[in-house]
C-alpha cells in the first residue's frame, strides 16, 4: 500500500511538469485579444467583455494555485509527522 501511495503522490506533484500552465495559456490569449483591433462598436464591446473574463480567469487561477501550494505544504507536514 505504501508503494501505491508514493506512486500517487509522485503523479500528483509531478503532473504539471513539462506542460504549459493555465497561467501561460491565459497570458497568451490576453496578448492575442489585445492585438485585435475592433472594426465596430459591437466588436469593441465583445473584446472588452472577453478581456474582463480573462482577468477574472487569471484571478481565479491565482487563487487555485495558492490553495494547491497550501495543500502541498500540509501534505508534506503530514508525511513528515507520519515517519
N, C-alpha and C. Protein backbone atom coordinates (compact mmCIF):
# COMPACT_ATOMS: atom_id res chain seq x y z
N UNK A 1 0.82 -1.20 0.00
CA UNK A 1 0.00 0.00 0.00
C UNK A 1 0.86 1.26 0.00
N UNK A 2 1.99 1.23 0.70
CA UNK A 2 2.88 2.39 0.74
C UNK A 2 3.42 2.70 -0.66
N UNK A 3 3.67 1.65 -1.46
CA UNK A 3 4.17 1.86 -2.81
C UNK A 3 3.13 2.59 -3.65
N UNK A 4 1.87 2.20 -3.52
CA UNK A 4 0.80 2.86 -4.26
C UNK A 4 0.68 4.32 -3.84
N UNK A 5 0.79 4.60 -2.55
CA UNK A 5 0.72 5.98 -2.06
C UNK A 5 1.84 6.82 -2.65
N UNK A 6 3.04 6.27 -2.71
CA UNK A 6 4.16 7.04 -3.26
C UNK A 6 3.99 7.27 -4.76
N UNK A 7 3.43 6.32 -5.46
CA UNK A 7 3.18 6.48 -6.89
C UNK A 7 2.15 7.57 -7.12
N UNK A 8 1.08 7.56 -6.34
CA UNK A 8 0.04 8.58 -6.47
C UNK A 8 0.59 9.96 -6.15
N UNK A 9 1.38 10.05 -5.08
CA UNK A 9 1.97 11.33 -4.68
C UNK A 9 2.87 11.87 -5.78
N UNK A 10 3.71 11.02 -6.35
CA UNK A 10 4.60 11.46 -7.43
C UNK A 10 3.81 11.92 -8.65
N UNK A 11 2.72 11.22 -8.94
CA UNK A 11 1.89 11.60 -10.07
C UNK A 11 1.27 12.97 -9.85
N UNK A 12 0.71 13.19 -8.66
CA UNK A 12 0.04 14.45 -8.37
C UNK A 12 1.04 15.61 -8.35
N UNK A 13 2.16 15.43 -7.71
CA UNK A 13 3.14 16.51 -7.60
C UNK A 13 3.87 16.77 -8.91
N UNK A 14 4.06 15.75 -9.73
CA UNK A 14 4.81 15.92 -10.97
C UNK A 14 3.94 16.08 -12.19
N UNK A 15 2.65 16.16 -11.98
CA UNK A 15 1.71 16.18 -13.09
C UNK A 15 1.90 17.37 -14.02
N UNK A 16 2.20 18.54 -13.49
CA UNK A 16 2.27 19.73 -14.31
C UNK A 16 3.62 19.98 -14.95
N UNK A 17 4.60 19.14 -14.71
CA UNK A 17 5.94 19.40 -15.23
C UNK A 17 6.01 19.10 -16.71
N UNK A 18 6.60 20.03 -17.45
CA UNK A 18 6.81 19.81 -18.86
C UNK A 18 5.64 20.21 -19.75
N UNK A 19 4.52 20.62 -19.17
CA UNK A 19 3.39 21.05 -19.97
C UNK A 19 3.09 22.51 -19.65
N UNK A 20 2.51 23.23 -20.60
CA UNK A 20 2.17 24.63 -20.34
C UNK A 20 1.16 24.74 -19.21
N UNK A 21 1.25 25.84 -18.48
CA UNK A 21 0.33 26.05 -17.36
C UNK A 21 -0.88 26.85 -17.82
N UNK A 22 -1.90 26.85 -16.98
CA UNK A 22 -3.10 27.65 -17.27
C UNK A 22 -2.71 29.12 -17.35
N UNK A 23 -1.81 29.53 -16.46
CA UNK A 23 -1.35 30.92 -16.47
C UNK A 23 -0.73 31.27 -17.82
N UNK A 24 0.07 30.38 -18.37
CA UNK A 24 0.70 30.61 -19.66
C UNK A 24 -0.32 30.73 -20.78
N UNK A 25 -1.32 29.84 -20.75
CA UNK A 25 -2.38 29.91 -21.76
C UNK A 25 -3.15 31.21 -21.66
N UNK A 26 -3.50 31.63 -20.44
CA UNK A 26 -4.27 32.85 -20.25
C UNK A 26 -3.46 34.06 -20.73
N UNK A 27 -2.18 34.10 -20.39
CA UNK A 27 -1.34 35.22 -20.83
C UNK A 27 -1.28 35.27 -22.36
N UNK A 28 -1.19 34.11 -22.98
CA UNK A 28 -1.15 34.04 -24.44
C UNK A 28 -2.44 34.57 -25.05
N UNK A 29 -3.57 34.15 -24.50
CA UNK A 29 -4.86 34.61 -25.02
C UNK A 29 -5.03 36.11 -24.79
N UNK A 30 -4.58 36.60 -23.63
CA UNK A 30 -4.66 38.04 -23.36
C UNK A 30 -3.88 38.83 -24.41
N UNK A 31 -2.68 38.38 -24.72
CA UNK A 31 -1.88 39.11 -25.72
C UNK A 31 -2.53 39.06 -27.10
N UNK A 32 -3.16 37.95 -27.44
CA UNK A 32 -3.85 37.85 -28.73
C UNK A 32 -5.05 38.79 -28.77
N UNK A 33 -5.85 38.77 -27.69
CA UNK A 33 -7.03 39.63 -27.65
C UNK A 33 -6.64 41.10 -27.69
N UNK A 34 -5.56 41.46 -27.01
CA UNK A 34 -5.13 42.86 -27.02
C UNK A 34 -4.61 43.31 -28.38
N UNK A 35 -4.19 42.37 -29.21
CA UNK A 35 -3.68 42.75 -30.53
C UNK A 35 -4.79 42.89 -31.58
N UNK A 36 -6.01 42.49 -31.22
CA UNK A 36 -7.13 42.58 -32.15
C UNK A 36 -7.67 44.01 -32.14
N UNK A 37 -7.92 44.54 -33.33
CA UNK A 37 -8.46 45.89 -33.47
C UNK A 37 -9.91 45.78 -33.93
N UNK A 38 -10.83 46.18 -33.06
CA UNK A 38 -12.26 46.06 -33.42
C UNK A 38 -12.63 47.01 -34.56
N UNK A 39 -13.55 46.56 -35.42
CA UNK A 39 -13.99 47.38 -36.55
C UNK A 39 -15.36 48.00 -36.30
N UNK A 40 -16.01 47.57 -35.23
CA UNK A 40 -17.32 48.14 -34.93
C UNK A 40 -17.48 48.29 -33.42
N UNK A 41 -18.52 49.00 -33.04
CA UNK A 41 -18.80 49.20 -31.62
C UNK A 41 -19.13 47.85 -30.96
N UNK A 42 -19.82 47.00 -31.68
CA UNK A 42 -20.19 45.68 -31.16
C UNK A 42 -18.93 44.85 -30.88
N UNK A 43 -18.00 44.83 -31.82
CA UNK A 43 -16.75 44.10 -31.62
C UNK A 43 -15.95 44.67 -30.46
N UNK A 44 -15.99 45.98 -30.32
CA UNK A 44 -15.29 46.63 -29.21
C UNK A 44 -15.86 46.18 -27.86
N UNK A 45 -17.19 46.13 -27.76
CA UNK A 45 -17.83 45.66 -26.52
C UNK A 45 -17.51 44.19 -26.25
N UNK A 46 -17.54 43.39 -27.30
CA UNK A 46 -17.23 41.97 -27.14
C UNK A 46 -15.79 41.78 -26.65
N UNK A 47 -14.86 42.55 -27.20
CA UNK A 47 -13.47 42.45 -26.77
C UNK A 47 -13.30 42.89 -25.33
N UNK A 48 -14.00 43.94 -24.93
CA UNK A 48 -13.86 44.38 -23.54
C UNK A 48 -14.45 43.35 -22.58
N UNK A 49 -15.53 42.69 -22.97
CA UNK A 49 -16.09 41.61 -22.14
C UNK A 49 -15.11 40.45 -22.07
N UNK A 50 -14.52 40.09 -23.20
CA UNK A 50 -13.54 39.00 -23.22
C UNK A 50 -12.35 39.32 -22.33
N UNK A 51 -11.87 40.55 -22.37
CA UNK A 51 -10.74 40.96 -21.52
C UNK A 51 -11.11 40.87 -20.05
N UNK A 52 -12.33 41.29 -19.71
CA UNK A 52 -12.77 41.20 -18.31
C UNK A 52 -12.85 39.74 -17.86
N UNK A 53 -13.38 38.89 -18.71
CA UNK A 53 -13.45 37.46 -18.38
C UNK A 53 -12.06 36.87 -18.19
N UNK A 54 -11.13 37.26 -19.02
CA UNK A 54 -9.76 36.77 -18.88
C UNK A 54 -9.13 37.24 -17.58
N UNK A 55 -9.42 38.48 -17.18
CA UNK A 55 -8.90 38.97 -15.89
C UNK A 55 -9.47 38.15 -14.74
N UNK A 56 -10.76 37.82 -14.83
CA UNK A 56 -11.39 37.00 -13.77
C UNK A 56 -10.79 35.59 -13.75
N UNK A 57 -10.57 35.02 -14.92
CA UNK A 57 -9.96 33.69 -15.00
C UNK A 57 -8.57 33.72 -14.38
N UNK A 58 -7.82 34.75 -14.69
CA UNK A 58 -6.46 34.90 -14.15
C UNK A 58 -6.50 35.00 -12.62
N UNK A 59 -7.45 35.77 -12.10
CA UNK A 59 -7.58 35.92 -10.65
C UNK A 59 -7.97 34.59 -9.98
N UNK A 60 -8.94 33.89 -10.56
CA UNK A 60 -9.36 32.60 -10.01
C UNK A 60 -8.24 31.57 -10.08
N UNK A 61 -7.48 31.59 -11.17
CA UNK A 61 -6.37 30.66 -11.31
C UNK A 61 -5.31 30.92 -10.25
N UNK A 62 -5.03 32.18 -9.97
CA UNK A 62 -4.06 32.52 -8.93
C UNK A 62 -4.51 32.01 -7.57
N UNK A 63 -5.81 32.14 -7.27
CA UNK A 63 -6.35 31.64 -6.01
C UNK A 63 -6.22 30.12 -5.93
N UNK A 64 -6.50 29.44 -7.04
CA UNK A 64 -6.37 27.98 -7.06
C UNK A 64 -4.92 27.55 -6.86
N UNK A 65 -3.99 28.26 -7.49
CA UNK A 65 -2.57 27.94 -7.32
C UNK A 65 -2.14 28.11 -5.86
N UNK A 66 -2.65 29.15 -5.21
CA UNK A 66 -2.33 29.36 -3.79
C UNK A 66 -2.88 28.23 -2.93
N UNK A 67 -4.11 27.79 -3.23
CA UNK A 67 -4.70 26.69 -2.47
C UNK A 67 -3.92 25.40 -2.68
N UNK A 68 -3.51 25.16 -3.91
CA UNK A 68 -2.72 23.95 -4.21
C UNK A 68 -1.41 23.98 -3.45
N UNK A 69 -0.76 25.14 -3.44
CA UNK A 69 0.51 25.28 -2.73
C UNK A 69 0.31 25.01 -1.23
N UNK A 70 -0.75 25.56 -0.66
CA UNK A 70 -1.05 25.35 0.75
C UNK A 70 -1.31 23.87 1.03
N UNK A 71 -2.07 23.22 0.18
CA UNK A 71 -2.36 21.79 0.37
C UNK A 71 -1.11 20.94 0.23
N UNK A 72 -0.22 21.29 -0.69
CA UNK A 72 1.04 20.56 -0.83
C UNK A 72 1.88 20.70 0.43
N UNK A 73 1.91 21.90 0.99
CA UNK A 73 2.66 22.10 2.24
C UNK A 73 2.06 21.28 3.37
N UNK A 74 0.73 21.25 3.47
CA UNK A 74 0.07 20.47 4.50
C UNK A 74 0.35 18.98 4.31
N UNK A 75 0.36 18.54 3.06
CA UNK A 75 0.64 17.14 2.78
C UNK A 75 2.07 16.79 3.20
N UNK A 76 3.01 17.69 2.94
CA UNK A 76 4.40 17.45 3.35
C UNK A 76 4.52 17.39 4.86
N UNK A 77 3.81 18.26 5.57
CA UNK A 77 3.85 18.24 7.04
C UNK A 77 3.27 16.94 7.56
N UNK A 78 2.17 16.49 6.97
CA UNK A 78 1.57 15.24 7.41
C UNK A 78 2.49 14.05 7.14
N UNK A 79 3.17 14.07 6.00
CA UNK A 79 4.10 12.98 5.69
C UNK A 79 5.28 12.97 6.64
N UNK A 80 5.77 14.16 7.02
CA UNK A 80 6.88 14.22 7.95
C UNK A 80 6.45 13.70 9.32
N UNK A 81 5.23 14.00 9.73
CA UNK A 81 4.72 13.51 11.00
C UNK A 81 4.46 12.02 11.00
N UNK A 82 4.23 11.46 9.82
CA UNK A 82 3.95 10.04 9.66
C UNK A 82 5.20 9.20 9.90
N UNK A 83 6.35 9.73 9.55
CA UNK A 83 7.61 8.97 9.66
C UNK A 83 8.11 8.89 11.05
